[in-house]
Each structure stands twice: as C-alpha cells, then as structure tokens.
Amino acid sequence: MNPEEQNKHDVFDKVIYFFAFTTPLFELPQLYSILSARSSNHVSLVTWSYLALSSMVWLLYGIHKKIKPLIASYILYSAVELAVAVSILWFR
C-alpha cells in the first residue's frame, strides 16, 4: 500500500473507532429515561433484548477472531443494552 492509500486507511480507521466507541453512549438516554421515570411502558423489551443478544454474539465473534476493537466496543454495547433490557423488566 502506498503512503497515500495508507493515510486514507488510517483516517477511516479513526472514524470507525470514533463511532464504535461513542455510539453505545447514545443508548444511555434510553436507560436514563427508564430509570428516572421508574417506568418502562414506553420501550420495547423485544427490541432491547434482541439488541443485547446481537451485541453479545458480536462480542463472542470478536473474542473468537481476537479483534480487540470489536471486543471493546461490543462490551460497551452489551453492557448498555443489557442494562436497558433488565431495567425494562424491573420497571414493568
């Protein structure tokens, strides 16, 4: 790979890492909404359970393939989505 192609690749890597590690943070308002209202009537257990399950599958894939950025980001996703799913059950 020539230096110009490598530079484009590095920039794209930074963009991907940014979104991989910040996107789970945008799920936190849903968790806050449930906890502050002490109600989960406005959210779907099926959706959040599936998201949590999907994230755990991606996490296992990352562990299996030894892809550290995937492992780190899906630890975050799994934690937030599982917390939302558990909160939905708790406040039903």
PDB file of N, CA and C in Angstrom:
ATOM      1  N   MET A   1       0.858  -1.168   0.000  1.00  0.00           N
ATOM      2  CA  MET A   1       0.000   0.000   0.000  1.00  0.00           C
ATOM      3  C   MET A   1       0.907   1.235   0.000  1.00  0.00           C
ATOM      4  N   ASN A   2       0.610   2.168  -0.899  1.00  0.00           N
ATOM      5  CA  ASN A   2       1.425   3.386  -0.958  1.00  0.00           C
ATOM      6  C   ASN A   2       1.043   4.321   0.196  1.00  0.00           C
ATOM      7  N   PRO A   3       1.878   5.329   0.487  1.00  0.00           N
ATOM      8  CA  PRO A   3       1.614   6.215   1.634  1.00  0.00           C
ATOM      9  C   PRO A   3       0.264   6.930   1.571  1.00  0.00           C
ATOM     10  N   GLU A   4      -0.176   7.319   0.380  1.00  0.00           N
ATOM     11  CA  GLU A   4      -1.464   7.996   0.257  1.00  0.00           C
ATOM     12  C   GLU A   4      -2.616   7.062   0.625  1.00  0.00           C
ATOM     13  N   GLU A   5      -2.560   5.824   0.152  1.00  0.00           N
ATOM     14  CA  GLU A   5      -3.580   4.843   0.491  1.00  0.00           C
ATOM     15  C   GLU A   5      -3.554   4.529   1.986  1.00  0.00           C
ATOM     16  N   GLN A   6      -2.351   4.447   2.555  1.00  0.00           N
ATOM     17  CA  GLN A   6      -2.222   4.171   3.992  1.00  0.00           C
ATOM     18  C   GLN A   6      -2.838   5.298   4.813  1.00  0.00           C
ATOM     19  N   ASN A   7      -2.621   6.559   4.393  1.00  0.00           N
ATOM     20  CA  ASN A   7      -3.167   7.705   5.106  1.00  0.00           C
ATOM     21  C   ASN A   7      -4.699   7.668   5.074  1.00  0.00           C
ATOM     22  N   LYS A   8      -5.281   7.344   3.913  1.00  0.00           N
ATOM     23  CA  LYS A   8      -6.740   7.238   3.809  1.00  0.00           C
ATOM     24  C   LYS A   8      -7.248   6.130   4.726  1.00  0.00           C
ATOM     25  N   HIS A   9      -6.518   5.031   4.771  1.00  0.00           N
ATOM     26  CA  HIS A   9      -6.889   3.904   5.622  1.00  0.00           C
ATOM     27  C   HIS A   9      -6.836   4.316   7.085  1.00  0.00           C
ATOM     28  N   ASP A  10      -5.821   5.033   7.493  1.00  0.00           N
ATOM     29  CA  ASP A  10      -5.687   5.486   8.882  1.00  0.00           C
ATOM     30  C   ASP A  10      -6.827   6.432   9.270  1.00  0.00           C
ATOM     31  N   VAL A  11      -7.196   7.336   8.373  1.00  0.00           N
ATOM     32  CA  VAL A  11      -8.291   8.268   8.648  1.00  0.00           C
ATOM     33  C   VAL A  11      -9.594   7.489   8.807  1.00  0.00           C
ATOM     34  N   PHE A  12      -9.837   6.549   7.933  1.00  0.00           N
ATOM     35  CA  PHE A  12     -11.056   5.745   8.013  1.00  0.00           C
ATOM     36  C   PHE A  12     -11.075   4.941   9.312  1.00  0.00           C
ATOM     37  N   ASP A  13      -9.929   4.391   9.713  1.00  0.00           N
ATOM     38  CA  ASP A  13      -9.845   3.662  10.982  1.00  0.00           C
ATOM     39  C   ASP A  13     -10.245   4.559  12.152  1.00  0.00           C
ATOM     40  N   LYS A  14      -9.783   5.783  12.149  1.00  0.00           N
ATOM     41  CA  LYS A  14     -10.121   6.714  13.232  1.00  0.00           C
ATOM     42  C   LYS A  14     -11.610   7.015  13.260  1.00  0.00           C
ATOM     43  N   VAL A  15     -12.204   7.174  12.095  1.00  0.00           N
ATOM     44  CA  VAL A  15     -13.647   7.427  12.022  1.00  0.00           C
ATOM     45  C   VAL A  15     -14.417   6.221  12.557  1.00  0.00           C
ATOM     46  N   ILE A  16     -14.015   5.033  12.147  1.00  0.00           N
ATOM     47  CA  ILE A  16     -14.678   3.811  12.598  1.00  0.00           C
ATOM     48  C   ILE A  16     -14.542   3.650  14.105  1.00  0.00           C
ATOM     49  N   TYR A  17     -13.345   3.866  14.635  1.00  0.00           N
ATOM     50  CA  TYR A  17     -13.137   3.744  16.080  1.00  0.00           C
ATOM     51  C   TYR A  17     -13.979   4.769  16.839  1.00  0.00           C
ATOM     52  N   PHE A  18     -14.059   5.979  16.316  1.00  0.00           N
ATOM     53  CA  PHE A  18     -14.870   7.009  16.960  1.00  0.00           C
ATOM     54  C   PHE A  18     -16.313   6.535  17.113  1.00  0.00           C
ATOM     55  N   PHE A  19     -16.891   6.052  16.021  1.00  0.00           N
ATOM     56  CA  PHE A  19     -18.285   5.618  16.067  1.00  0.00           C
ATOM     57  C   PHE A  19     -18.455   4.333  16.873  1.00  0.00           C
ATOM     58  N   ALA A  20     -17.492   3.440  16.804  1.00  0.00           N
ATOM     59  CA  ALA A  20     -17.593   2.181  17.559  1.00  0.00           C
ATOM     60  C   ALA A  20     -17.647   2.423  19.057  1.00  0.00           C
ATOM     61  N   PHE A  21     -16.928   3.437  19.524  1.00  0.00           N
ATOM     62  CA  PHE A  21     -16.867   3.673  20.961  1.00  0.00           C
ATOM     63  C   PHE A  21     -17.823   4.757  21.454  1.00  0.00           C
ATOM     64  N   THR A  22     -18.382   5.560  20.556  1.00  0.00           N
ATOM     65  CA  THR A  22     -19.314   6.597  21.013  1.00  0.00           C
ATOM     66  C   THR A  22     -20.778   6.215  20.803  1.00  0.00           C
ATOM     67  N   THR A  23     -21.069   5.370  19.852  1.00  0.00           N
ATOM     68  CA  THR A  23     -22.456   5.007  19.577  1.00  0.00           C
ATOM     69  C   THR A  23     -23.161   4.388  20.791  1.00  0.00           C
ATOM     70  N   PRO A  24     -22.505   3.496  21.553  1.00  0.00           N
ATOM     71  CA  PRO A  24     -23.204   2.979  22.740  1.00  0.00           C
ATOM     72  C   PRO A  24     -23.601   4.078  23.726  1.00  0.00           C
ATOM     73  N   LEU A  25     -22.873   5.173  23.742  1.00  0.00           N
ATOM     74  CA  LEU A  25     -23.210   6.272  24.644  1.00  0.00           C
ATOM     75  C   LEU A  25     -24.554   6.894  24.296  1.00  0.00           C
ATOM     76  N   PHE A  26     -24.945   6.805  23.036  1.00  0.00           N
ATOM     77  CA  PHE A  26     -26.214   7.377  22.608  1.00  0.00           C
ATOM     78  C   PHE A  26     -27.402   6.495  22.994  1.00  0.00           C
ATOM     79  N   GLU A  27     -27.125   5.323  23.543  1.00  0.00           N
ATOM     80  CA  GLU A  27     -28.193   4.472  24.075  1.00  0.00           C
ATOM     81  C   GLU A  27     -28.457   4.787  25.550  1.00  0.00           C
ATOM     82  N   LEU A  28     -27.536   5.490  26.188  1.00  0.00           N
ATOM     83  CA  LEU A  28     -27.694   5.814  27.604  1.00  0.00           C
ATOM     84  C   LEU A  28     -28.925   6.669  27.921  1.00  0.00           C
ATOM     85  N   PRO A  29     -29.322   7.620  27.056  1.00  0.00           N
ATOM     86  CA  PRO A  29     -30.541   8.379  27.365  1.00  0.00           C
ATOM     87  C   PRO A  29     -31.778   7.493  27.538  1.00  0.00           C
ATOM     88  N   GLN A  30     -31.847   6.381  26.816  1.00  0.00           N
ATOM     89  CA  GLN A  30     -32.982   5.473  26.981  1.00  0.00           C
ATOM     90  C   GLN A  30     -32.953   4.858  28.376  1.00  0.00           C
ATOM     91  N   LEU A  31     -31.781   4.453  28.819  1.00  0.00           N
ATOM     92  CA  LEU A  31     -31.636   3.899  30.162  1.00  0.00           C
ATOM     93  C   LEU A  31     -32.000   4.949  31.211  1.00  0.00           C
ATOM     94  N   TYR A  32     -31.515   6.157  31.017  1.00  0.00           N
ATOM     95  CA  TYR A  32     -31.828   7.249  31.944  1.00  0.00           C
ATOM     96  C   TYR A  32     -33.333   7.512  31.985  1.00  0.00           C
ATOM     97  N   SER A  33     -33.975   7.493  30.835  1.00  0.00           N
ATOM     98  CA  SER A  33     -35.414   7.729  30.752  1.00  0.00           C
ATOM     99  C   SER A  33     -36.191   6.691  31.570  1.00  0.00           C
ATOM    100  N   ILE A  34     -35.801   5.439  31.445  1.00  0.00           N
ATOM    101  CA  ILE A  34     -36.476   4.373  32.192  1.00  0.00           C
ATOM    102  C   ILE A  34     -36.248   4.549  33.696  1.00  0.00           C
ATOM    103  N   LEU A  35     -34.993   4.777  34.061  1.00  0.00           N
ATOM    104  CA  LEU A  35     -34.657   4.868  35.484  1.00  0.00           C
ATOM    105  C   LEU A  35     -35.258   6.099  36.140  1.00  0.00           C
ATOM    106  N   SER A  36     -35.240   7.220  35.455  1.00  0.00           N
ATOM    107  CA  SER A  36     -35.766   8.446  36.063  1.00  0.00           C
ATOM    108  C   SER A  36     -37.297   8.426  36.162  1.00  0.00           C
ATOM    109  N   ALA A  37     -37.959   7.825  35.172  1.00  0.00           N
ATOM    110  CA  ALA A  37     -39.417   7.732  35.201  1.00  0.00           C
ATOM    111  C   ALA A  37     -39.893   6.551  36.049  1.00  0.00           C
ATOM    112  N   ARG A  38     -38.964   5.642  36.332  1.00  0.00           N
ATOM    113  CA  ARG A  38     -39.298   4.405  37.039  1.00  0.00           C
ATOM    114  C   ARG A  38     -40.430   3.662  36.312  1.00  0.00           C
ATOM    115  N   SER A  39     -40.356   3.737  34.990  1.00  0.00           N
ATOM    116  CA  SER A  39     -41.352   3.100  34.137  1.00  0.00           C
ATOM    117  C   SER A  39     -40.704   2.713  32.813  1.00  0.00           C
ATOM    118  N   SER A  40     -41.126   1.576  32.298  1.00  0.00           N
ATOM    119  CA  SER A  40     -40.600   1.133  31.002  1.00  0.00           C
ATOM    120  C   SER A  40     -41.720   0.893  30.001  1.00  0.00           C
ATOM    121  N   ASN A  41     -42.871   1.473  30.270  1.00  0.00           N
ATOM    122  CA  ASN A  41     -44.021   1.272  29.385  1.00  0.00           C
ATOM    123  C   ASN A  41     -43.802   1.829  27.988  1.00  0.00           C
ATOM    124  N   HIS A  42     -42.882   2.749  27.856  1.00  0.00           N
ATOM    125  CA  HIS A  42     -42.672   3.429  26.578  1.00  0.00           C
ATOM    126  C   HIS A  42     -41.585   2.787  25.710  1.00  0.00           C
ATOM    127  N   VAL A  43     -41.041   1.641  26.129  1.00  0.00           N
ATOM    128  CA  VAL A  43     -39.976   0.993  25.352  1.00  0.00           C
ATOM    129  C   VAL A  43     -40.283  -0.494  25.151  1.00  0.00           C
ATOM    130  N   SER A  44     -39.658  -1.058  24.130  1.00  0.00           N
ATOM    131  CA  SER A  44     -39.924  -2.437  23.755  1.00  0.00           C
ATOM    132  C   SER A  44     -38.889  -3.392  24.350  1.00  0.00           C
ATOM    133  N   LEU A  45     -39.363  -4.338  25.145  1.00  0.00           N
ATOM    134  CA  LEU A  45     -38.486  -5.374  25.685  1.00  0.00           C
ATOM    135  C   LEU A  45     -37.915  -6.240  24.565  1.00  0.00           C
ATOM    136  N   VAL A  46     -38.737  -6.554  23.583  1.00  0.00           N
ATOM    137  CA  VAL A  46     -38.286  -7.397  22.464  1.00  0.00           C
ATOM    138  C   VAL A  46     -37.117  -6.725  21.735  1.00  0.00           C
ATOM    139  N   THR A  47     -37.264  -5.449  21.442  1.00  0.00           N
ATOM    140  CA  THR A  47     -36.213  -4.726  20.719  1.00  0.00           C
ATOM    141  C   THR A  47     -34.911  -4.702  21.511  1.00  0.00           C
ATOM    142  N   TRP A  48     -34.978  -4.288  22.770  1.00  0.00           N
ATOM    143  CA  TRP A  48     -33.753  -4.151  23.565  1.00  0.00           C
ATOM    144  C   TRP A  48     -33.144  -5.500  23.912  1.00  0.00           C
ATOM    145  N   SER A  49     -33.954  -6.517  24.075  1.00  0.00           N
ATOM    146  CA  SER A  49     -33.419  -7.863  24.324  1.00  0.00           C
ATOM    147  C   SER A  49     -32.688  -8.374  23.089  1.00  0.00           C
ATOM    148  N   TYR A  50     -33.284  -8.129  21.932  1.00  0.00           N
ATOM    149  CA  TYR A  50     -32.633  -8.560  20.696  1.00  0.00           C
ATOM    150  C   TYR A  50     -31.327  -7.794  20.471  1.00  0.00           C
ATOM    151  N   LEU A  51     -31.339  -6.491  20.725  1.00  0.00           N
ATOM    152  CA  LEU A  51     -30.105  -5.709  20.588  1.00  0.00           C
ATOM    153  C   LEU A  51     -29.020  -6.238  21.522  1.00  0.00           C
ATOM    154  N   ALA A  52     -29.386  -6.548  22.763  1.00  0.00           N
ATOM    155  CA  ALA A  52     -28.417  -7.085  23.720  1.00  0.00           C
ATOM    156  C   ALA A  52     -27.887  -8.437  23.258  1.00  0.00           C
ATOM    157  N   LEU A  53     -28.779  -9.306  22.796  1.00  0.00           N
ATOM    158  CA  LEU A  53     -28.359 -10.618  22.298  1.00  0.00           C
ATOM    159  C   LEU A  53     -27.430 -10.466  21.094  1.00  0.00           C
ATOM    160  N   SER A  54     -27.799  -9.610  20.175  1.00  0.00           N
ATOM    161  CA  SER A  54     -26.974  -9.364  18.992  1.00  0.00           C
ATOM    162  C   SER A  54     -25.585  -8.862  19.386  1.00  0.00           C
ATOM    163  N   SER A  55     -25.538  -7.946  20.325  1.00  0.00           N
ATOM    164  CA  SER A  55     -24.242  -7.408  20.765  1.00  0.00           C
ATOM    165  C   SER A  55     -23.393  -8.490  21.417  1.00  0.00           C
ATOM    166  N   MET A  56     -24.024  -9.376  22.156  1.00  0.00           N
ATOM    167  CA  MET A  56     -23.268 -10.459  22.787  1.00  0.00           C
ATOM    168  C   MET A  56     -22.718 -11.429  21.742  1.00  0.00           C
ATOM    169  N   VAL A  57     -23.486 -11.665  20.682  1.00  0.00           N
ATOM    170  CA  VAL A  57     -22.999 -12.523  19.593  1.00  0.00           C
ATOM    171  C   VAL A  57     -21.798 -11.853  18.912  1.00  0.00           C
ATOM    172  N   TRP A  58     -21.898 -10.545  18.648  1.00  0.00           N
ATOM    173  CA  TRP A  58     -20.769  -9.822  18.056  1.00  0.00           C
ATOM    174  C   TRP A  58     -19.558  -9.842  18.987  1.00  0.00           C
ATOM    175  N   LEU A  59     -19.801  -9.722  20.277  1.00  0.00           N
ATOM    176  CA  LEU A  59     -18.710  -9.787  21.255  1.00  0.00           C
ATOM    177  C   LEU A  59     -18.021 -11.152  21.197  1.00  0.00           C
ATOM    178  N   LEU A  60     -18.801 -12.212  21.168  1.00  0.00           N
ATOM    179  CA  LEU A  60     -18.220 -13.553  21.065  1.00  0.00           C
ATOM    180  C   LEU A  60     -17.438 -13.727  19.767  1.00  0.00           C
ATOM    181  N   TYR A  61     -17.966 -13.167  18.696  1.00  0.00           N
ATOM    182  CA  TYR A  61     -17.253 -13.216  17.414  1.00  0.00           C
ATOM    183  C   TYR A  61     -15.910 -12.485  17.525  1.00  0.00           C
ATOM    184  N   GLY A  62     -15.937 -11.307  18.127  1.00  0.00           N
ATOM    185  CA  GLY A  62     -14.700 -10.546  18.307  1.00  0.00           C
ATOM    186  C   GLY A  62     -13.691 -11.300  19.148  1.00  0.00           C
ATOM    187  N   ILE A  63     -14.169 -11.958  20.199  1.00  0.00           N
ATOM    188  CA  ILE A  63     -13.277 -12.759  21.045  1.00  0.00           C
ATOM    189  C   ILE A  63     -12.721 -13.933  20.247  1.00  0.00           C
ATOM    190  N   HIS A  64     -13.588 -14.607  19.509  1.00  0.00           N
ATOM    191  CA  HIS A  64     -13.166 -15.755  18.698  1.00  0.00           C
ATOM    192  C   HIS A  64     -12.103 -15.365  17.666  1.00  0.00           C
ATOM    193  N   LYS A  65     -12.308 -14.221  17.018  1.00  0.00           N
ATOM    194  CA  LYS A  65     -11.377 -13.760  15.979  1.00  0.00           C
ATOM    195  C   LYS A  65     -10.234 -12.906  16.536  1.00  0.00           C
ATOM    196  N   LYS A  66     -10.294 -12.622  17.844  1.00  0.00           N
ATOM    197  CA  LYS A  66      -9.267 -11.814  18.520  1.00  0.00           C
ATOM    198  C   LYS A  66      -9.140 -10.414  17.911  1.00  0.00           C
ATOM    199  N   ILE A  67     -10.297  -9.768  17.718  1.00  0.00           N
ATOM    200  CA  ILE A  67     -10.343  -8.418  17.154  1.00  0.00           C
ATOM    201  C   ILE A  67     -10.622  -7.461  18.315  1.00  0.00           C
ATOM    202  N   LYS A  68      -9.554  -6.872  18.840  1.00  0.00           N
ATOM    203  CA  LYS A  68      -9.660  -6.071  20.055  1.00  0.00           C
ATOM    204  C   LYS A  68     -10.645  -4.898  19.969  1.00  0.00           C
ATOM    205  N   PRO A  69     -10.653  -4.104  18.887  1.00  0.00           N
ATOM    206  CA  PRO A  69     -11.625  -3.006  18.835  1.00  0.00           C
ATOM    207  C   PRO A  69     -13.074  -3.502  18.854  1.00  0.00           C
ATOM    208  N   LEU A  70     -13.328  -4.615  18.200  1.00  0.00           N
ATOM    209  CA  LEU A  70     -14.668  -5.197  18.198  1.00  0.00           C
ATOM    210  C   LEU A  70     -15.033  -5.679  19.601  1.00  0.00           C
ATOM    211  N   ILE A  71     -14.088  -6.295  20.271  1.00  0.00           N
ATOM    212  CA  ILE A  71     -14.326  -6.762  21.640  1.00  0.00           C
ATOM    213  C   ILE A  71     -14.660  -5.576  22.545  1.00  0.00           C
ATOM    214  N   ALA A  72     -13.850  -4.550  22.489  1.00  0.00           N
ATOM    215  CA  ALA A  72     -14.048  -3.390  23.368  1.00  0.00           C
ATOM    216  C   ALA A  72     -15.383  -2.702  23.095  1.00  0.00           C
ATOM    217  N   SER A  73     -15.695  -2.469  21.833  1.00  0.00           N
ATOM    218  CA  SER A  73     -16.937  -1.755  21.536  1.00  0.00           C
ATOM    219  C   SER A  73     -18.165  -2.584  21.889  1.00  0.00           C
ATOM    220  N   TYR A  74     -18.107  -3.894  21.675  1.00  0.00           N
ATOM    221  CA  TYR A  74     -19.281  -4.709  21.982  1.00  0.00           C
ATOM    222  C   TYR A  74     -19.402  -5.051  23.459  1.00  0.00           C
ATOM    223  N   ILE A  75     -18.359  -4.868  24.221  1.00  0.00           N
ATOM    224  CA  ILE A  75     -18.516  -4.902  25.677  1.00  0.00           C
ATOM    225  C   ILE A  75     -19.394  -3.726  26.088  1.00  0.00           C
ATOM    226  N   LEU A  76     -19.114  -2.551  25.511  1.00  0.00           N
ATOM    227  CA  LEU A  76     -19.919  -1.361  25.814  1.00  0.00           C
ATOM    228  C   LEU A  76     -21.366  -1.539  25.366  1.00  0.00           C
ATOM    229  N   TYR A  77     -21.537  -1.961  24.118  1.00  0.00           N
ATOM    230  CA  TYR A  77     -22.900  -2.171  23.608  1.00  0.00           C
ATOM    231  C   TYR A  77     -23.657  -3.165  24.493  1.00  0.00           C
ATOM    232  N   SER A  78     -23.039  -4.302  24.774  1.00  0.00           N
ATOM    233  CA  SER A  78     -23.704  -5.341  25.563  1.00  0.00           C
ATOM    234  C   SER A  78     -24.100  -4.822  26.933  1.00  0.00           C
ATOM    235  N   ALA A  79     -23.210  -4.091  27.571  1.00  0.00           N
ATOM    236  CA  ALA A  79     -23.492  -3.583  28.916  1.00  0.00           C
ATOM    237  C   ALA A  79     -24.680  -2.632  28.915  1.00  0.00           C
ATOM    238  N   VAL A  80     -24.692  -1.691  27.991  1.00  0.00           N
ATOM    239  CA  VAL A  80     -25.775  -0.706  27.956  1.00  0.00           C
ATOM    240  C   VAL A  80     -27.092  -1.376  27.560  1.00  0.00           C
ATOM    241  N   GLU A  81     -27.070  -2.190  26.525  1.00  0.00           N
ATOM    242  CA  GLU A  81     -28.306  -2.808  26.057  1.00  0.00           C
ATOM    243  C   GLU A  81     -28.862  -3.813  27.060  1.00  0.00           C
ATOM    244  N   LEU A  82     -27.991  -4.530  27.729  1.00  0.00           N
ATOM    245  CA  LEU A  82     -28.449  -5.447  28.766  1.00  0.00           C
ATOM    246  C   LEU A  82     -29.035  -4.668  29.944  1.00  0.00           C
ATOM    247  N   ALA A  83     -28.404  -3.560  30.299  1.00  0.00           N
ATOM    248  CA  ALA A  83     -28.930  -2.720  31.377  1.00  0.00           C
ATOM    249  C   ALA A  83     -30.318  -2.182  31.030  1.00  0.00           C
ATOM    250  N   VAL A  84     -30.514  -1.791  29.781  1.00  0.00           N
ATOM    251  CA  VAL A  84     -31.833  -1.310  29.356  1.00  0.00           C
ATOM    252  C   VAL A  84     -32.854  -2.447  29.434  1.00  0.00           C
ATOM    253  N   ALA A  85     -32.496  -3.628  28.915  1.00  0.00           N
ATOM    254  CA  ALA A  85     -33.423  -4.762  28.928  1.00  0.00           C
ATOM    255  C   ALA A  85     -33.792  -5.151  30.361  1.00  0.00           C
ATOM    256  N   VAL A  86     -32.819  -5.195  31.251  1.00  0.00           N
ATOM    257  CA  VAL A  86     -33.089  -5.534  32.647  1.00  0.00           C
ATOM    258  C   VAL A  86     -33.961  -4.459  33.295  1.00  0.00           C
ATOM    259  N   SER A  87     -33.685  -3.197  32.980  1.00  0.00           N
ATOM    260  CA  SER A  87     -34.492  -2.096  33.524  1.00  0.00           C
ATOM    261  C   SER A  87     -35.932  -2.173  33.044  1.00  0.00           C
ATOM    262  N   ILE A  88     -36.118  -2.579  31.799  1.00  0.00           N
ATOM    263  CA  ILE A  88     -37.483  -2.733  31.275  1.00  0.00           C
ATOM    264  C   ILE A  88     -38.224  -3.787  32.101  1.00  0.00           C
ATOM    265  N   LEU A  89     -37.570  -4.900  32.343  1.00  0.00           N
ATOM    266  CA  LEU A  89     -38.198  -5.960  33.154  1.00  0.00           C
ATOM    267  C   LEU A  89     -38.447  -5.492  34.586  1.00  0.00           C
ATOM    268  N   TRP A  90     -37.503  -4.784  35.147  1.00  0.00           N
ATOM    269  CA  TRP A  90     -37.602  -4.340  36.534  1.00  0.00           C
ATOM    270  C   TRP A  90     -38.768  -3.383  36.753  1.00  0.00           C
ATOM    271  N   PHE A  91     -38.964  -2.481  35.791  1.00  0.00           N
ATOM    272  CA  PHE A  91     -39.981  -1.437  35.955  1.00  0.00           C
ATOM    273  C   PHE A  91     -41.297  -1.732  35.239  1.00  0.00           C
ATOM    274  N   ARG A  92     -41.521  -2.967  34.850  1.00  0.00           N
ATOM    275  CA  ARG A  92     -42.798  -3.340  34.217  1.00  0.00           C
ATOM    276  C   ARG A  92     -43.842  -3.571  35.264  1.00  0.00           C
TER     277      ARG A  92
END
